[in-house]
N, C-alpha and C. Protein backbone atom coordinates (compact mmCIF):
# COMPACT_ATOMS: atom_id res chain seq x y z
N UNK A 1 108.50 83.25 71.42
CA UNK A 1 107.43 84.16 71.06
C UNK A 1 106.20 83.90 71.91
N UNK A 2 105.97 82.60 72.21
CA UNK A 2 104.79 82.24 72.96
C UNK A 2 104.84 82.80 74.38
N UNK A 3 106.03 82.85 74.97
CA UNK A 3 106.18 83.35 76.32
C UNK A 3 105.84 84.84 76.37
N UNK A 4 106.25 85.60 75.38
CA UNK A 4 105.97 87.04 75.35
C UNK A 4 104.47 87.29 75.25
N UNK A 5 103.75 86.48 74.50
CA UNK A 5 102.31 86.65 74.37
C UNK A 5 101.63 86.39 75.72
N UNK A 6 102.08 85.35 76.43
CA UNK A 6 101.50 85.06 77.74
C UNK A 6 101.78 86.19 78.73
N UNK A 7 102.97 86.76 78.67
CA UNK A 7 103.30 87.87 79.56
C UNK A 7 102.42 89.08 79.27
N UNK A 8 102.16 89.35 78.02
CA UNK A 8 101.32 90.48 77.65
C UNK A 8 99.88 90.25 78.12
N UNK A 9 99.38 89.05 77.95
CA UNK A 9 98.02 88.74 78.37
C UNK A 9 97.88 88.88 79.88
N UNK A 10 98.86 88.37 80.62
CA UNK A 10 98.82 88.47 82.08
C UNK A 10 98.89 89.94 82.49
N UNK A 11 99.74 90.73 81.86
CA UNK A 11 99.85 92.14 82.21
C UNK A 11 98.54 92.88 81.95
N UNK A 12 97.87 92.57 80.86
CA UNK A 12 96.59 93.22 80.54
C UNK A 12 95.54 92.86 81.60
N UNK A 13 95.47 91.58 81.98
CA UNK A 13 94.50 91.17 83.00
C UNK A 13 94.79 91.83 84.34
N UNK A 14 96.06 91.95 84.71
CA UNK A 14 96.41 92.60 85.98
C UNK A 14 96.02 94.07 85.95
N UNK A 15 96.30 94.74 84.85
CA UNK A 15 95.96 96.16 84.76
C UNK A 15 94.45 96.39 84.81
N UNK A 16 93.70 95.59 84.06
CA UNK A 16 92.25 95.77 84.07
C UNK A 16 91.64 95.34 85.40
N UNK A 17 92.21 94.33 86.03
CA UNK A 17 91.72 93.90 87.34
C UNK A 17 91.90 94.97 88.38
N UNK A 18 93.03 95.66 88.34
CA UNK A 18 93.25 96.72 89.33
C UNK A 18 92.31 97.89 89.07
N UNK A 19 92.01 98.18 87.84
CA UNK A 19 91.09 99.26 87.53
C UNK A 19 89.67 98.93 88.01
N UNK A 20 89.29 97.67 87.90
CA UNK A 20 87.95 97.28 88.35
C UNK A 20 87.85 97.35 89.86
N UNK A 21 88.91 97.00 90.56
CA UNK A 21 88.85 97.05 92.02
C UNK A 21 88.85 98.49 92.52
N UNK A 22 89.51 99.37 91.82
CA UNK A 22 89.52 100.78 92.21
C UNK A 22 88.16 101.42 91.91
N UNK A 23 87.49 100.98 90.83
CA UNK A 23 86.24 101.58 90.42
C UNK A 23 85.04 100.97 91.13
N UNK A 24 85.24 100.03 92.05
CA UNK A 24 84.11 99.40 92.74
C UNK A 24 83.40 100.40 93.62
N UNK A 25 82.10 100.23 93.73
CA UNK A 25 81.31 101.13 94.56
C UNK A 25 81.55 100.81 96.03
N UNK A 26 81.49 101.86 96.83
CA UNK A 26 81.66 101.68 98.27
C UNK A 26 80.33 101.23 98.86
N UNK A 27 80.35 100.10 99.56
CA UNK A 27 79.14 99.58 100.16
C UNK A 27 79.16 99.84 101.66
N UNK A 28 78.00 99.82 102.24
CA UNK A 28 77.90 100.00 103.69
C UNK A 28 78.52 98.79 104.39
N UNK A 29 79.23 99.01 105.50
CA UNK A 29 79.80 97.87 106.22
C UNK A 29 78.70 97.05 106.88
N UNK A 30 78.94 95.77 107.11
CA UNK A 30 77.91 94.95 107.75
C UNK A 30 77.68 95.39 109.19
N UNK A 31 76.51 95.18 109.71
CA UNK A 31 76.23 95.59 111.09
C UNK A 31 77.06 94.76 112.07
N UNK A 32 77.42 95.32 113.21
CA UNK A 32 78.21 94.56 114.18
C UNK A 32 77.39 93.39 114.73
N UNK A 33 78.08 92.31 115.09
CA UNK A 33 77.39 91.10 115.53
C UNK A 33 77.07 91.10 117.01
N UNK A 34 77.72 91.91 117.79
CA UNK A 34 77.46 91.93 119.22
C UNK A 34 77.68 93.31 119.78
N UNK A 35 77.46 93.45 121.07
CA UNK A 35 77.69 94.77 121.67
C UNK A 35 79.17 95.09 121.68
N UNK A 36 79.54 96.36 121.59
CA UNK A 36 80.95 96.72 121.58
C UNK A 36 81.59 96.46 122.94
N UNK A 37 82.88 96.20 122.91
CA UNK A 37 83.61 96.00 124.14
C UNK A 37 83.59 94.58 124.65
N UNK A 38 83.39 93.59 123.78
CA UNK A 38 83.41 92.20 124.22
C UNK A 38 84.82 91.81 124.65
N UNK A 39 84.97 90.99 125.70
CA UNK A 39 86.30 90.58 126.15
C UNK A 39 86.95 89.62 125.16
N UNK A 40 88.26 89.65 125.13
CA UNK A 40 89.02 88.76 124.25
C UNK A 40 89.81 87.80 125.12
N UNK A 41 89.15 86.95 125.92
CA UNK A 41 89.90 86.03 126.74
C UNK A 41 89.55 84.58 126.48
N UNK A 42 88.96 84.27 125.40
CA UNK A 42 88.66 82.88 125.09
C UNK A 42 89.92 82.12 124.71
N UNK A 43 90.46 81.35 125.63
CA UNK A 43 91.65 80.55 125.35
C UNK A 43 92.94 81.33 125.40
N UNK A 44 92.94 82.47 126.04
CA UNK A 44 94.12 83.33 126.07
C UNK A 44 95.26 82.68 126.85
N UNK A 45 94.94 82.02 127.95
CA UNK A 45 95.97 81.36 128.76
C UNK A 45 96.58 80.21 127.98
N UNK A 46 95.76 79.43 127.30
CA UNK A 46 96.26 78.30 126.50
C UNK A 46 97.16 78.81 125.37
N UNK A 47 96.75 79.89 124.72
CA UNK A 47 97.59 80.44 123.64
C UNK A 47 98.92 80.94 124.19
N UNK A 48 98.93 81.49 125.38
CA UNK A 48 100.18 81.97 125.99
C UNK A 48 101.14 80.82 126.22
N UNK A 49 100.65 79.71 126.77
CA UNK A 49 101.52 78.57 127.03
C UNK A 49 101.98 77.89 125.75
N UNK A 50 101.13 77.83 124.76
CA UNK A 50 101.53 77.27 123.46
C UNK A 50 102.62 78.13 122.84
N UNK A 51 102.50 79.45 122.96
CA UNK A 51 103.53 80.34 122.42
C UNK A 51 104.85 80.17 123.16
N UNK A 52 104.79 79.98 124.48
CA UNK A 52 106.02 79.74 125.24
C UNK A 52 106.71 78.45 124.82
N UNK A 53 105.94 77.38 124.68
CA UNK A 53 106.52 76.09 124.29
C UNK A 53 107.07 76.17 122.87
N UNK A 54 106.34 76.77 121.98
CA UNK A 54 106.81 76.89 120.59
C UNK A 54 108.07 77.74 120.51
N UNK A 55 108.11 78.83 121.26
CA UNK A 55 109.31 79.67 121.29
C UNK A 55 110.50 78.93 121.86
N UNK A 56 110.29 78.12 122.90
CA UNK A 56 111.38 77.33 123.48
C UNK A 56 111.95 76.35 122.45
N UNK A 57 111.08 75.60 121.78
CA UNK A 57 111.56 74.62 120.82
C UNK A 57 112.23 75.27 119.61
N UNK A 58 111.70 76.39 119.15
CA UNK A 58 112.31 77.05 117.99
C UNK A 58 113.66 77.65 118.35
N UNK A 59 113.79 78.25 119.55
CA UNK A 59 115.08 78.80 119.94
C UNK A 59 116.09 77.69 120.20
N UNK A 60 115.64 76.57 120.77
CA UNK A 60 116.53 75.43 121.00
C UNK A 60 117.03 74.87 119.67
N UNK A 61 116.14 74.75 118.71
CA UNK A 61 116.53 74.25 117.39
C UNK A 61 117.54 75.20 116.74
N UNK A 62 117.31 76.49 116.88
CA UNK A 62 118.21 77.48 116.29
C UNK A 62 119.59 77.41 116.94
N UNK A 63 119.63 77.31 118.26
CA UNK A 63 120.91 77.32 118.97
C UNK A 63 121.72 76.06 118.69
N UNK A 64 121.08 74.92 118.55
CA UNK A 64 121.81 73.68 118.30
C UNK A 64 122.20 73.51 116.84
N UNK A 65 121.51 74.14 115.92
CA UNK A 65 121.83 74.03 114.50
C UNK A 65 122.67 75.17 113.98
N UNK A 66 122.96 76.15 114.84
CA UNK A 66 123.73 77.31 114.41
C UNK A 66 125.17 76.88 114.14
N UNK A 67 125.73 77.31 113.02
CA UNK A 67 127.10 76.98 112.68
C UNK A 67 128.04 77.98 113.33
N UNK A 68 129.19 77.49 113.71
CA UNK A 68 130.17 78.41 114.34
C UNK A 68 130.77 79.33 113.29
N UNK A 69 131.25 80.47 113.73
CA UNK A 69 131.79 81.46 112.80
C UNK A 69 133.25 81.18 112.46
N UNK A 70 133.88 80.21 113.12
CA UNK A 70 135.28 79.90 112.83
C UNK A 70 135.43 78.83 111.81
């Protein structure tokens, strides 16, 4: 019986929480922090090499741990 009461309480909070989020007033977005069109190259080369190394190790792990189909 106690479990059913907890489920009902949780369901009521979820329903009322969604109604409050839908009824929230729309606020103005914050002003932009810089001029538009800023470049996105901070550490881009490093991220590329990290992604290559991570992809190599993950594919190697997958290939060596894969079980045969026979």
